Amino acid sequence: MTVIARFTPASDRAPQLKALLEGMIAPTRSEPGCRSYDLYTTETEAPDFVLLERYQDTAALEAHRTTAHYKAYRAQLSDLLAKPVEVSVLRPVNVTG
């Protein structure tokens, strides 16, 4: 199970958004069903942030969404965004490895 989440920071809120997203990395990576959890940024004048998340299965993704660190991060998120998070949940079709 792969998730791509794209975040567009509100004006002058990029540093706070980046810090919030970085704070999710260690606790999420320590979850038993997390295979990878990596934060990227676009190379544009007004950068977006992109999380590329991989979970063992749907149950692991759902477990992630019930953790205290996920709930705390979601509670702070809306004040930092110019628009809602764009989330794509991908299921493998023909993946090796």
PDB file of N, CA and C in Angstrom:
ATOM      1  N   MET A   1       0.859  -1.166   0.000  1.00  0.00           N
ATOM      2  CA  MET A   1       0.000   0.000   0.000  1.00  0.00           C
ATOM      3  C   MET A   1       0.909   1.234   0.000  1.00  0.00           C
ATOM      4  N   THR A   2       0.705   2.104  -0.981  1.00  0.00           N
ATOM      5  CA  THR A   2       1.504   3.317  -1.106  1.00  0.00           C
ATOM      6  C   THR A   2       0.589   4.531  -1.033  1.00  0.00           C
ATOM      7  N   VAL A   3       1.046   5.555  -0.316  1.00  0.00           N
ATOM      8  CA  VAL A   3       0.300   6.798  -0.195  1.00  0.00           C
ATOM      9  C   VAL A   3       1.199   7.937  -0.651  1.00  0.00           C
ATOM     10  N   ILE A   4       0.646   8.825  -1.472  1.00  0.00           N
ATOM     11  CA  ILE A   4       1.330  10.059  -1.839  1.00  0.00           C
ATOM     12  C   ILE A   4       0.466  11.194  -1.318  1.00  0.00           C
ATOM     13  N   ALA A   5       1.045  12.015  -0.454  1.00  0.00           N
ATOM     14  CA  ALA A   5       0.318  13.151   0.120  1.00  0.00           C
ATOM     15  C   ALA A   5       1.071  14.432  -0.212  1.00  0.00           C
ATOM     16  N   ARG A   6       0.377  15.383  -0.832  1.00  0.00           N
ATOM     17  CA  ARG A   6       0.991  16.646  -1.251  1.00  0.00           C
ATOM     18  C   ARG A   6       0.408  17.783  -0.415  1.00  0.00           C
ATOM     19  N   PHE A   7       1.296  18.607   0.146  1.00  0.00           N
ATOM     20  CA  PHE A   7       0.937  19.694   1.053  1.00  0.00           C
ATOM     21  C   PHE A   7       1.384  21.019   0.454  1.00  0.00           C
ATOM     22  N   THR A   8       0.464  21.969   0.336  1.00  0.00           N
ATOM     23  CA  THR A   8       0.781  23.315  -0.137  1.00  0.00           C
ATOM     24  C   THR A   8       0.683  24.258   1.055  1.00  0.00           C
ATOM     25  N   PRO A   9       1.834  24.799   1.507  1.00  0.00           N
ATOM     26  CA  PRO A   9       1.794  25.649   2.695  1.00  0.00           C
ATOM     27  C   PRO A   9       1.112  26.982   2.432  1.00  0.00           C
ATOM     28  N   ALA A  10       0.440  27.485   3.457  1.00  0.00           N
ATOM     29  CA  ALA A  10      -0.097  28.841   3.410  1.00  0.00           C
ATOM     30  C   ALA A  10       1.069  29.818   3.374  1.00  0.00           C
ATOM     31  N   SER A  11       0.802  31.026   2.962  1.00  0.00           N
ATOM     32  CA  SER A  11       1.836  32.052   2.853  1.00  0.00           C
ATOM     33  C   SER A  11       2.638  32.166   4.154  1.00  0.00           C
ATOM     34  N   ASP A  12       3.940  32.111   4.045  1.00  0.00           N
ATOM     35  CA  ASP A  12       4.869  32.244   5.170  1.00  0.00           C
ATOM     36  C   ASP A  12       4.766  31.129   6.214  1.00  0.00           C
ATOM     37  N   ARG A  13       4.108  30.029   5.882  1.00  0.00           N
ATOM     38  CA  ARG A  13       3.952  28.934   6.848  1.00  0.00           C
ATOM     39  C   ARG A  13       4.797  27.705   6.491  1.00  0.00           C
ATOM     40  N   ALA A  14       5.578  27.798   5.430  1.00  0.00           N
ATOM     41  CA  ALA A  14       6.385  26.649   4.992  1.00  0.00           C
ATOM     42  C   ALA A  14       7.316  26.132   6.093  1.00  0.00           C
ATOM     43  N   PRO A  15       8.011  26.999   6.841  1.00  0.00           N
ATOM     44  CA  PRO A  15       8.893  26.464   7.886  1.00  0.00           C
ATOM     45  C   PRO A  15       8.142  25.672   8.964  1.00  0.00           C
ATOM     46  N   GLN A  16       6.978  26.158   9.371  1.00  0.00           N
ATOM     47  CA  GLN A  16       6.190  25.457  10.383  1.00  0.00           C
ATOM     48  C   GLN A  16       5.650  24.141   9.838  1.00  0.00           C
ATOM     49  N   LEU A  17       5.202  24.146   8.577  1.00  0.00           N
ATOM     50  CA  LEU A  17       4.689  22.927   7.960  1.00  0.00           C
ATOM     51  C   LEU A  17       5.809  21.897   7.833  1.00  0.00           C
ATOM     52  N   LYS A  18       6.965  22.340   7.384  1.00  0.00           N
ATOM     53  CA  LYS A  18       8.107  21.428   7.253  1.00  0.00           C
ATOM     54  C   LYS A  18       8.445  20.803   8.602  1.00  0.00           C
ATOM     55  N   ALA A  19       8.489  21.600   9.648  1.00  0.00           N
ATOM     56  CA  ALA A  19       8.801  21.084  10.985  1.00  0.00           C
ATOM     57  C   ALA A  19       7.758  20.069  11.444  1.00  0.00           C
ATOM     58  N   LEU A  20       6.487  20.364  11.201  1.00  0.00           N
ATOM     59  CA  LEU A  20       5.420  19.438  11.583  1.00  0.00           C
ATOM     60  C   LEU A  20       5.563  18.112  10.840  1.00  0.00           C
ATOM     61  N   LEU A  21       5.813  18.177   9.547  1.00  0.00           N
ATOM     62  CA  LEU A  21       5.958  16.960   8.748  1.00  0.00           C
ATOM     63  C   LEU A  21       7.209  16.181   9.145  1.00  0.00           C
ATOM     64  N   GLU A  22       8.296  16.882   9.409  1.00  0.00           N
ATOM     65  CA  GLU A  22       9.519  16.204   9.853  1.00  0.00           C
ATOM     66  C   GLU A  22       9.304  15.498  11.189  1.00  0.00           C
ATOM     67  N   GLY A  23       8.463  16.069  12.031  1.00  0.00           N
ATOM     68  CA  GLY A  23       8.163  15.458  13.315  1.00  0.00           C
ATOM     69  C   GLY A  23       7.400  14.155  13.215  1.00  0.00           C
ATOM     70  N   MET A  24       6.815  13.895  12.072  1.00  0.00           N
ATOM     71  CA  MET A  24       6.076  12.643  11.847  1.00  0.00           C
ATOM     72  C   MET A  24       6.976  11.496  11.399  1.00  0.00           C
ATOM     73  N   ILE A  25       8.171  11.800  10.933  1.00  0.00           N
ATOM     74  CA  ILE A  25       9.016  10.782  10.303  1.00  0.00           C
ATOM     75  C   ILE A  25       9.403   9.674  11.283  1.00  0.00           C
ATOM     76  N   ALA A  26      10.060  10.013  12.367  1.00  0.00           N
ATOM     77  CA  ALA A  26      10.554   8.977  13.292  1.00  0.00           C
ATOM     78  C   ALA A  26       9.435   8.122  13.880  1.00  0.00           C
ATOM     79  N   PRO A  27       8.360   8.734  14.418  1.00  0.00           N
ATOM     80  CA  PRO A  27       7.323   7.874  15.001  1.00  0.00           C
ATOM     81  C   PRO A  27       6.617   7.003  13.968  1.00  0.00           C
ATOM     82  N   THR A  28       6.441   7.515  12.757  1.00  0.00           N
ATOM     83  CA  THR A  28       5.773   6.710  11.735  1.00  0.00           C
ATOM     84  C   THR A  28       6.666   5.572  11.267  1.00  0.00           C
ATOM     85  N   ARG A  29       7.943   5.861  11.075  1.00  0.00           N
ATOM     86  CA  ARG A  29       8.868   4.805  10.660  1.00  0.00           C
ATOM     87  C   ARG A  29       8.982   3.698  11.699  1.00  0.00           C
ATOM     88  N   SER A  30       8.680   4.005  12.964  1.00  0.00           N
ATOM     89  CA  SER A  30       8.765   2.987  14.013  1.00  0.00           C
ATOM     90  C   SER A  30       7.511   2.115  14.091  1.00  0.00           C
ATOM     91  N   GLU A  31       6.457   2.463  13.344  1.00  0.00           N
ATOM     92  CA  GLU A  31       5.245   1.647  13.330  1.00  0.00           C
ATOM     93  C   GLU A  31       5.554   0.301  12.676  1.00  0.00           C
ATOM     94  N   PRO A  32       5.020  -0.796  13.216  1.00  0.00           N
ATOM     95  CA  PRO A  32       5.336  -2.127  12.683  1.00  0.00           C
ATOM     96  C   PRO A  32       4.992  -2.319  11.208  1.00  0.00           C
ATOM     97  N   GLY A  33       3.939  -1.704  10.716  1.00  0.00           N
ATOM     98  CA  GLY A  33       3.523  -1.910   9.330  1.00  0.00           C
ATOM     99  C   GLY A  33       4.081  -0.912   8.336  1.00  0.00           C
ATOM    100  N   CYS A  34       4.915   0.017   8.801  1.00  0.00           N
ATOM    101  CA  CYS A  34       5.482   1.031   7.915  1.00  0.00           C
ATOM    102  C   CYS A  34       6.720   0.482   7.216  1.00  0.00           C
ATOM    103  N   ARG A  35       6.708   0.516   5.894  1.00  0.00           N
ATOM    104  CA  ARG A  35       7.884   0.085   5.116  1.00  0.00           C
ATOM    105  C   ARG A  35       8.791   1.264   4.800  1.00  0.00           C
ATOM    106  N   SER A  36       8.212   2.435   4.527  1.00  0.00           N
ATOM    107  CA  SER A  36       8.999   3.651   4.317  1.00  0.00           C
ATOM    108  C   SER A  36       8.100   4.862   4.494  1.00  0.00           C
ATOM    109  N   TYR A  37       8.724   5.974   4.863  1.00  0.00           N
ATOM    110  CA  TYR A  37       7.997   7.220   5.106  1.00  0.00           C
ATOM    111  C   TYR A  37       8.988   8.339   4.838  1.00  0.00           C
ATOM    112  N   ASP A  38       8.923   8.918   3.640  1.00  0.00           N
ATOM    113  CA  ASP A  38       9.938   9.864   3.189  1.00  0.00           C
ATOM    114  C   ASP A  38       9.305  11.185   2.779  1.00  0.00           C
ATOM    115  N   LEU A  39       9.938  12.276   3.202  1.00  0.00           N
ATOM    116  CA  LEU A  39       9.455  13.626   2.922  1.00  0.00           C
ATOM    117  C   LEU A  39      10.300  14.253   1.819  1.00  0.00           C
ATOM    118  N   TYR A  40       9.623  14.855   0.850  1.00  0.00           N
ATOM    119  CA  TYR A  40      10.271  15.537  -0.263  1.00  0.00           C
ATOM    120  C   TYR A  40       9.719  16.952  -0.360  1.00  0.00           C
ATOM    121  N   THR A  41      10.435  17.800  -1.093  1.00  0.00           N
ATOM    122  CA  THR A  41       9.934  19.127  -1.401  1.00  0.00           C
ATOM    123  C   THR A  41      10.145  19.392  -2.880  1.00  0.00           C
ATOM    124  N   THR A  42       9.286  20.219  -3.455  1.00  0.00           N
ATOM    125  CA  THR A  42       9.425  20.590  -4.860  1.00  0.00           C
ATOM    126  C   THR A  42      10.455  21.705  -4.973  1.00  0.00           C
ATOM    127  N   GLU A  43      11.107  21.767  -6.115  1.00  0.00           N
ATOM    128  CA  GLU A  43      12.109  22.802  -6.344  1.00  0.00           C
ATOM    129  C   GLU A  43      11.470  23.954  -7.107  1.00  0.00           C
ATOM    130  N   THR A  44      10.582  24.647  -6.414  1.00  0.00           N
ATOM    131  CA  THR A  44       9.892  25.791  -7.001  1.00  0.00           C
ATOM    132  C   THR A  44      10.002  26.964  -6.051  1.00  0.00           C
ATOM    133  N   GLU A  45       9.649  28.142  -6.536  1.00  0.00           N
ATOM    134  CA  GLU A  45       9.730  29.355  -5.710  1.00  0.00           C
ATOM    135  C   GLU A  45       8.875  29.229  -4.455  1.00  0.00           C
ATOM    136  N   ALA A  46       7.684  28.664  -4.607  1.00  0.00           N
ATOM    137  CA  ALA A  46       6.800  28.404  -3.473  1.00  0.00           C
ATOM    138  C   ALA A  46       6.680  26.885  -3.347  1.00  0.00           C
ATOM    139  N   PRO A  47       7.584  26.254  -2.599  1.00  0.00           N
ATOM    140  CA  PRO A  47       7.632  24.791  -2.586  1.00  0.00           C
ATOM    141  C   PRO A  47       6.441  24.142  -1.886  1.00  0.00           C
ATOM    142  N   ASP A  48       6.043  23.008  -2.435  1.00  0.00           N
ATOM    143  CA  ASP A  48       5.114  22.106  -1.776  1.00  0.00           C
ATOM    144  C   ASP A  48       5.941  21.028  -1.089  1.00  0.00           C
ATOM    145  N   PHE A  49       5.308  20.299  -0.186  1.00  0.00           N
ATOM    146  CA  PHE A  49       5.950  19.149   0.452  1.00  0.00           C
ATOM    147  C   PHE A  49       5.175  17.907   0.044  1.00  0.00           C
ATOM    148  N   VAL A  50       5.895  16.807  -0.159  1.00  0.00           N
ATOM    149  CA  VAL A  50       5.283  15.567  -0.600  1.00  0.00           C
ATOM    150  C   VAL A  50       5.768  14.434   0.295  1.00  0.00           C
ATOM    151  N   LEU A  51       4.834  13.706   0.867  1.00  0.00           N
ATOM    152  CA  LEU A  51       5.157  12.500   1.628  1.00  0.00           C
ATOM    153  C   LEU A  51       4.914  11.293   0.744  1.00  0.00           C
ATOM    154  N   LEU A  52       5.908  10.429   0.674  1.00  0.00           N
ATOM    155  CA  LEU A  52       5.772   9.154  -0.013  1.00  0.00           C
ATOM    156  C   LEU A  52       5.815   8.086   1.071  1.00  0.00           C
ATOM    157  N   GLU A  53       4.685   7.441   1.265  1.00  0.00           N
ATOM    158  CA  GLU A  53       4.523   6.491   2.368  1.00  0.00           C
ATOM    159  C   GLU A  53       4.245   5.102   1.816  1.00  0.00           C
ATOM    160  N   ARG A  54       4.878   4.104   2.404  1.00  0.00           N
ATOM    161  CA  ARG A  54       4.592   2.716   2.029  1.00  0.00           C
ATOM    162  C   ARG A  54       4.288   1.929   3.288  1.00  0.00           C
ATOM    163  N   TYR A  55       3.178   1.175   3.214  1.00  0.00           N
ATOM    164  CA  TYR A  55       2.732   0.360   4.338  1.00  0.00           C
ATOM    165  C   TYR A  55       2.596  -1.088   3.890  1.00  0.00           C
ATOM    166  N   GLN A  56       2.719  -1.971   4.832  1.00  0.00           N
ATOM    167  CA  GLN A  56       2.634  -3.402   4.563  1.00  0.00           C
ATOM    168  C   GLN A  56       1.313  -3.770   3.890  1.00  0.00           C
ATOM    169  N   ASP A  57       0.222  -3.171   4.382  1.00  0.00           N
ATOM    170  CA  ASP A  57      -1.099  -3.469   3.836  1.00  0.00           C
ATOM    171  C   ASP A  57      -2.091  -2.406   4.298  1.00  0.00           C
ATOM    172  N   THR A  58      -3.344  -2.565   3.931  1.00  0.00           N
ATOM    173  CA  THR A  58      -4.381  -1.601   4.298  1.00  0.00           C
ATOM    174  C   THR A  58      -4.528  -1.494   5.813  1.00  0.00           C
ATOM    175  N   ALA A  59      -4.424  -2.609   6.506  1.00  0.00           N
ATOM    176  CA  ALA A  59      -4.541  -2.590   7.971  1.00  0.00           C
ATOM    177  C   ALA A  59      -3.439  -1.739   8.598  1.00  0.00           C
ATOM    178  N   ALA A  60      -2.235  -1.795   8.050  1.00  0.00           N
ATOM    179  CA  ALA A  60      -1.125  -0.988   8.579  1.00  0.00           C
ATOM    180  C   ALA A  60      -1.384   0.500   8.350  1.00  0.00           C
ATOM    181  N   LEU A  61      -1.933   0.855   7.198  1.00  0.00           N
ATOM    182  CA  LEU A  61      -2.284   2.250   6.925  1.00  0.00           C
ATOM    183  C   LEU A  61      -3.364   2.713   7.888  1.00  0.00           C
ATOM    184  N   GLU A  62      -4.377   1.910   8.094  1.00  0.00           N
ATOM    185  CA  GLU A  62      -5.447   2.268   9.018  1.00  0.00           C
ATOM    186  C   GLU A  62      -4.916   2.390  10.452  1.00  0.00           C
ATOM    187  N   ALA A  63      -4.002   1.516  10.839  1.00  0.00           N
ATOM    188  CA  ALA A  63      -3.396   1.601  12.174  1.00  0.00           C
ATOM    189  C   ALA A  63      -2.614   2.907  12.319  1.00  0.00           C
ATOM    190  N   HIS A  64      -1.916   3.312  11.259  1.00  0.00           N
ATOM    191  CA  HIS A  64      -1.177   4.584  11.268  1.00  0.00           C
ATOM    192  C   HIS A  64      -2.120   5.742  11.565  1.00  0.00           C
ATOM    193  N   ARG A  65      -3.280   5.715  10.954  1.00  0.00           N
ATOM    194  CA  ARG A  65      -4.237   6.820  11.101  1.00  0.00           C
ATOM    195  C   ARG A  65      -4.903   6.859  12.472  1.00  0.00           C
ATOM    196  N   THR A  66      -4.680   5.861  13.306  1.00  0.00           N
ATOM    197  CA  THR A  66      -5.246   5.862  14.660  1.00  0.00           C
ATOM    198  C   THR A  66      -4.211   6.209  15.728  1.00  0.00           C
ATOM    199  N   THR A  67      -2.955   6.420  15.333  1.00  0.00           N
ATOM    200  CA  THR A  67      -1.907   6.701  16.319  1.00  0.00           C
ATOM    201  C   THR A  67      -2.042   8.101  16.898  1.00  0.00           C
ATOM    202  N   ALA A  68      -1.505   8.276  18.087  1.00  0.00           N
ATOM    203  CA  ALA A  68      -1.536   9.588  18.746  1.00  0.00           C
ATOM    204  C   ALA A  68      -0.758  10.625  17.941  1.00  0.00           C
ATOM    205  N   HIS A  69       0.389  10.246  17.380  1.00  0.00           N
ATOM    206  CA  HIS A  69       1.185  11.224  16.626  1.00  0.00           C
ATOM    207  C   HIS A  69       0.460  11.658  15.344  1.00  0.00           C
ATOM    208  N   TYR A  70      -0.256  10.748  14.702  1.00  0.00           N
ATOM    209  CA  TYR A  70      -1.026  11.122  13.511  1.00  0.00           C
ATOM    210  C   TYR A  70      -2.158  12.084  13.882  1.00  0.00           C
ATOM    211  N   LYS A  71      -2.887  11.773  14.935  1.00  0.00           N
ATOM    212  CA  LYS A  71      -4.001  12.633  15.347  1.00  0.00           C
ATOM    213  C   LYS A  71      -3.515  14.016  15.758  1.00  0.00           C
ATOM    214  N   ALA A  72      -2.382  14.086  16.454  1.00  0.00           N
ATOM    215  CA  ALA A  72      -1.830  15.385  16.875  1.00  0.00           C
ATOM    216  C   ALA A  72      -1.395  16.210  15.663  1.00  0.00           C
ATOM    217  N   TYR A  73      -0.773  15.562  14.708  1.00  0.00           N
ATOM    218  CA  TYR A  73      -0.328  16.261  13.491  1.00  0.00           C
ATOM    219  C   TYR A  73      -1.529  16.765  12.687  1.00  0.00           C
ATOM    220  N   ARG A  74      -2.549  15.943  12.537  1.00  0.00           N
ATOM    221  CA  ARG A  74      -3.739  16.356  11.786  1.00  0.00           C
ATOM    222  C   ARG A  74      -4.437  17.547  12.444  1.00  0.00           C
ATOM    223  N   ALA A  75      -4.405  17.602  13.775  1.00  0.00           N
ATOM    224  CA  ALA A  75      -5.046  18.704  14.497  1.00  0.00           C
ATOM    225  C   ALA A  75      -4.356  20.045  14.227  1.00  0.00           C
ATOM    226  N   GLN A  76      -3.081  20.023  13.904  1.00  0.00           N
ATOM    227  CA  GLN A  76      -2.312  21.252  13.663  1.00  0.00           C
ATOM    228  C   GLN A  76      -2.230  21.632  12.190  1.00  0.00           C
ATOM    229  N   LEU A  77      -2.575  20.723  11.323  1.00  0.00           N
ATOM    230  CA  LEU A  77      -2.298  20.858   9.900  1.00  0.00           C
ATOM    231  C   LEU A  77      -3.070  21.966   9.197  1.00  0.00           C
ATOM    232  N   SER A  78      -4.351  22.091   9.430  1.00  0.00           N
ATOM    233  CA  SER A  78      -5.188  22.990   8.620  1.00  0.00           C
ATOM    234  C   SER A  78      -4.743  24.442   8.680  1.00  0.00           C
ATOM    235  N   ASP A  79      -4.212  24.902   9.800  1.00  0.00           N
ATOM    236  CA  ASP A  79      -3.766  26.289   9.926  1.00  0.00           C
ATOM    237  C   ASP A  79      -2.511  26.580   9.105  1.00  0.00           C
ATOM    238  N   LEU A  80      -1.848  25.545   8.639  1.00  0.00           N
ATOM    239  CA  LEU A  80      -0.590  25.716   7.912  1.00  0.00           C
ATOM    240  C   LEU A  80      -0.736  25.582   6.402  1.00  0.00           C
ATOM    241  N   LEU A  81      -1.932  25.231   5.926  1.00  0.00           N
ATOM    242  CA  LEU A  81      -2.128  24.906   4.518  1.00  0.00           C
ATOM    243  C   LEU A  81      -2.866  25.986   3.737  1.00  0.00           C
ATOM    244  N   ALA A  82      -2.474  26.147   2.470  1.00  0.00           N
ATOM    245  CA  ALA A  82      -3.185  27.043   1.557  1.00  0.00           C
ATOM    246  C   ALA A  82      -4.415  26.362   0.982  1.00  0.00           C
ATOM    247  N   LYS A  83      -4.387  25.016   0.933  1.00  0.00           N
ATOM    248  CA  LYS A  83      -5.513  24.234   0.422  1.00  0.00           C
ATOM    249  C   LYS A  83      -5.447  22.860   1.066  1.00  0.00           C
ATOM    250  N   PRO A  84      -6.512  22.076   0.983  1.00  0.00           N
ATOM    251  CA  PRO A  84      -6.495  20.746   1.602  1.00  0.00           C
ATOM    252  C   PRO A  84      -5.389  19.857   1.028  1.00  0.00           C
ATOM    253  N   VAL A  85      -4.938  18.929   1.841  1.00  0.00           N
ATOM    254  CA  VAL A  85      -3.928  17.962   1.419  1.00  0.00           C
ATOM    255  C   VAL A  85      -4.478  17.132   0.262  1.00  0.00           C
ATOM    256  N   GLU A  86      -3.649  16.917  -0.753  1.00  0.00           N
ATOM    257  CA  GLU A  86      -4.015  16.048  -1.870  1.00  0.00           C
ATOM    258  C   GLU A  86      -3.443  14.668  -1.568  1.00  0.00           C
ATOM    259  N   VAL A  87      -4.307  13.680  -1.375  1.00  0.00           N
ATOM    260  CA  VAL A  87      -3.868  12.339  -0.999  1.00  0.00           C
ATOM    261  C   VAL A  87      -4.285  11.335  -2.071  1.00  0.00           C
ATOM    262  N   SER A  88      -3.319  10.532  -2.494  1.00  0.00           N
ATOM    263  CA  SER A  88      -3.586   9.414  -3.402  1.00  0.00           C
ATOM    264  C   SER A  88      -3.150   8.140  -2.708  1.00  0.00           C
ATOM    265  N   VAL A  89      -4.060   7.172  -2.620  1.00  0.00           N
ATOM    266  CA  VAL A  89      -3.736   5.863  -2.069  1.00  0.00           C
ATOM    267  C   VAL A  89      -3.632   4.913  -3.257  1.00  0.00           C
ATOM    268  N   LEU A  90      -2.458   4.292  -3.398  1.00  0.00           N
ATOM    269  CA  LEU A  90      -2.176   3.453  -4.553  1.00  0.00           C
ATOM    270  C   LEU A  90      -2.081   1.989  -4.156  1.00  0.00           C
ATOM    271  N   ARG A  91      -2.656   1.139  -4.955  1.00  0.00           N
ATOM    272  CA  ARG A  91      -2.558  -0.308  -4.781  1.00  0.00           C
ATOM    273  C   ARG A  91      -1.656  -0.839  -5.897  1.00  0.00           C
ATOM    274  N   PRO A  92      -0.760  -1.740  -5.568  1.00  0.00           N
ATOM    275  CA  PRO A  92       0.141  -2.261  -6.590  1.00  0.00           C
ATOM    276  C   PRO A  92      -0.600  -3.060  -7.662  1.00  0.00           C
ATOM    277  N   VAL A  93      -0.154  -2.893  -8.887  1.00  0.00           N
ATOM    278  CA  VAL A  93      -0.710  -3.646  -9.996  1.00  0.00           C
ATOM    279  C   VAL A  93       0.312  -4.672 -10.472  1.00  0.00           C
ATOM    280  N   ASN A  94       1.516  -4.194 -10.724  1.00  0.00           N
ATOM    281  CA  ASN A  94       2.559  -5.083 -11.220  1.00  0.00           C
ATOM    282  C   ASN A  94       3.892  -4.595 -10.672  1.00  0.00           C
ATOM    283  N   VAL A  95       4.100  -4.818  -9.389  1.00  0.00           N
ATOM    284  CA  VAL A  95       5.276  -4.317  -8.693  1.00  0.00           C
ATOM    285  C   VAL A  95       6.184  -5.475  -8.348  1.00  0.00           C
ATOM    286  N   THR A  96       7.494  -5.302  -8.562  1.00  0.00           N
ATOM    287  CA  THR A  96       8.461  -6.318  -8.174  1.00  0.00           C
ATOM    288  C   THR A  96       9.192  -5.847  -6.934  1.00  0.00           C
ATOM    289  N   GLY A  97       9.665  -6.787  -6.148  1.00  0.00           N
ATOM    290  CA  GLY A  97      10.469  -6.444  -4.978  1.00  0.00           C
ATOM    291  C   GLY A  97       9.727  -6.177  -3.803  1.00  0.00           C
TER     292      GLY A  97
END
